[in-house]
Amino acid sequence: MSVSQIVKSWKDPAYRRSLSQGQLQKIPGHPAATNELDKEVMDGNPQAFTAMGSAICSPCPPRHCF
C-alpha cells in the first residue's frame, strides 16, 4: 500500500470501507491515535491539568492565573 493510500484510509471512511480485510490489516495505526500519556507522566506534570479559561484564569495572552 502506498503512503497516499494509507493516509486516504485514515481520512476517508468510505474509502476505508471499500478495502478488503487483507488491506485493512496492512494499514498502520494513525499516529495521532497512538500517542497516550501514562498516569505517571500526568501525575508528575503540574501543568497537565491547568484549566485555561476558568473563572480564575485569563484565556488571552499573556495568560495569568490567580
C-alpha atoms as a PDB file:
ATOM      1  CA  MET A   1       0.000   0.000   0.000  1.00  0.00           C
ATOM      2  CA  SER A   2       1.338   3.446  -0.885  1.00  0.00           C
ATOM      3  CA  VAL A   3       1.645   6.269   1.615  1.00  0.00           C
ATOM      4  CA  SER A   4      -1.151   8.197  -0.112  1.00  0.00           C
ATOM      5  CA  GLN A   5      -3.465   5.173   0.149  1.00  0.00           C
ATOM      6  CA  ILE A   6      -2.669   4.790   3.853  1.00  0.00           C
ATOM      7  CA  VAL A   7      -3.394   8.460   4.531  1.00  0.00           C
ATOM      8  CA  LYS A   8      -6.601   8.251   2.491  1.00  0.00           C
ATOM      9  CA  SER A   9      -7.690   5.229   4.527  1.00  0.00           C
ATOM     10  CA  TRP A  10      -7.193   7.255   7.727  1.00  0.00           C
ATOM     11  CA  LYS A  11      -9.146  10.269   6.437  1.00  0.00           C
ATOM     12  CA  ASP A  12     -11.872   8.809   4.200  1.00  0.00           C
ATOM     13  CA  PRO A  13     -14.336   6.427   5.885  1.00  0.00           C
ATOM     14  CA  ALA A  14     -15.924   5.457   2.536  1.00  0.00           C
ATOM     15  CA  TYR A  15     -12.529   4.505   1.120  1.00  0.00           C
ATOM     16  CA  ARG A  16     -11.690   2.552   4.278  1.00  0.00           C
ATOM     17  CA  ARG A  17     -14.968   0.584   3.990  1.00  0.00           C
ATOM     18  CA  SER A  18     -14.078  -0.338   0.392  1.00  0.00           C
ATOM     19  CA  LEU A  19     -10.844  -2.073   1.425  1.00  0.00           C
ATOM     20  CA  SER A  20     -10.539  -5.828   1.854  1.00  0.00           C
ATOM     21  CA  GLN A  21      -9.688  -7.425   5.207  1.00  0.00           C
ATOM     22  CA  GLY A  22      -6.154  -8.069   3.966  1.00  0.00           C
ATOM     23  CA  GLN A  23      -5.687  -4.429   3.019  1.00  0.00           C
ATOM     24  CA  LEU A  24      -7.109  -3.223   6.334  1.00  0.00           C
ATOM     25  CA  GLN A  25      -4.621  -5.380   8.234  1.00  0.00           C
ATOM     26  CA  LYS A  26      -1.725  -3.727   6.380  1.00  0.00           C
ATOM     27  CA  ILE A  27      -2.734  -0.205   7.430  1.00  0.00           C
ATOM     28  CA  PRO A  28      -0.704   1.031  10.401  1.00  0.00           C
ATOM     29  CA  GLY A  29      -2.436   2.839  13.235  1.00  0.00           C
ATOM     30  CA  HIS A  30      -2.961   6.573  12.850  1.00  0.00           C
ATOM     31  CA  PRO A  31      -0.046   8.343  14.579  1.00  0.00           C
ATOM     32  CA  ALA A  32      -2.314  10.756  16.466  1.00  0.00           C
ATOM     33  CA  ALA A  33      -4.288   7.877  17.937  1.00  0.00           C
ATOM     34  CA  THR A  34      -1.240   6.012  19.198  1.00  0.00           C
ATOM     35  CA  ASN A  35       0.069   8.748  21.499  1.00  0.00           C
ATOM     36  CA  GLU A  36      -1.078   8.204  25.051  1.00  0.00           C
ATOM     37  CA  LEU A  37       0.268   9.659  28.250  1.00  0.00           C
ATOM     38  CA  ASP A  38       0.979   7.387  31.162  1.00  0.00           C
ATOM     39  CA  LYS A  39      -0.566   8.168  34.533  1.00  0.00           C
ATOM     40  CA  GLU A  40       2.948   8.519  35.954  1.00  0.00           C
ATOM     41  CA  VAL A  41       3.731  11.250  33.427  1.00  0.00           C
ATOM     42  CA  MET A  42       0.490  13.090  34.148  1.00  0.00           C
ATOM     43  CA  ASP A  43       0.976  12.870  37.925  1.00  0.00           C
ATOM     44  CA  GLY A  44       4.478  14.314  37.647  1.00  0.00           C
ATOM     45  CA  ASN A  45       3.410  17.274  35.498  1.00  0.00           C
ATOM     46  CA  PRO A  46       1.640  20.084  37.386  1.00  0.00           C
ATOM     47  CA  GLN A  47       0.822  21.849  34.095  1.00  0.00           C
ATOM     48  CA  ALA A  48      -1.062  18.836  32.732  1.00  0.00           C
ATOM     49  CA  PHE A  49      -4.372  19.852  34.263  1.00  0.00           C
ATOM     50  CA  THR A  50      -4.206  23.648  34.008  1.00  0.00           C
ATOM     51  CA  ALA A  51      -7.722  24.929  33.368  1.00  0.00           C
ATOM     52  CA  MET A  52      -7.317  27.684  30.819  1.00  0.00           C
ATOM     53  CA  GLY A  53     -10.356  29.883  30.540  1.00  0.00           C
ATOM     54  CA  SER A  54     -11.630  29.128  34.020  1.00  0.00           C
ATOM     55  CA  ALA A  55     -13.001  31.820  36.305  1.00  0.00           C
ATOM     56  CA  ILE A  56      -9.558  32.465  37.742  1.00  0.00           C
ATOM     57  CA  CYS A  57      -7.508  32.312  34.519  1.00  0.00           C
ATOM     58  CA  SER A  58      -7.214  34.810  31.708  1.00  0.00           C
ATOM     59  CA  PRO A  59      -7.687  32.977  28.379  1.00  0.00           C
ATOM     60  CA  CYS A  60      -5.967  35.743  26.413  1.00  0.00           C
ATOM     61  CA  PRO A  61      -2.200  36.200  26.202  1.00  0.00           C
ATOM     62  CA  PRO A  62      -0.454  36.878  28.442  1.00  0.00           C
ATOM     63  CA  ARG A  63      -2.141  34.076  30.312  1.00  0.00           C
ATOM     64  CA  HIS A  64      -2.304  34.792  34.023  1.00  0.00           C
ATOM     65  CA  CYS A  65      -3.921  32.590  36.606  1.00  0.00           C
ATOM     66  CA  PHE A  66      -4.645  33.857  40.094  1.00  0.00           C
END
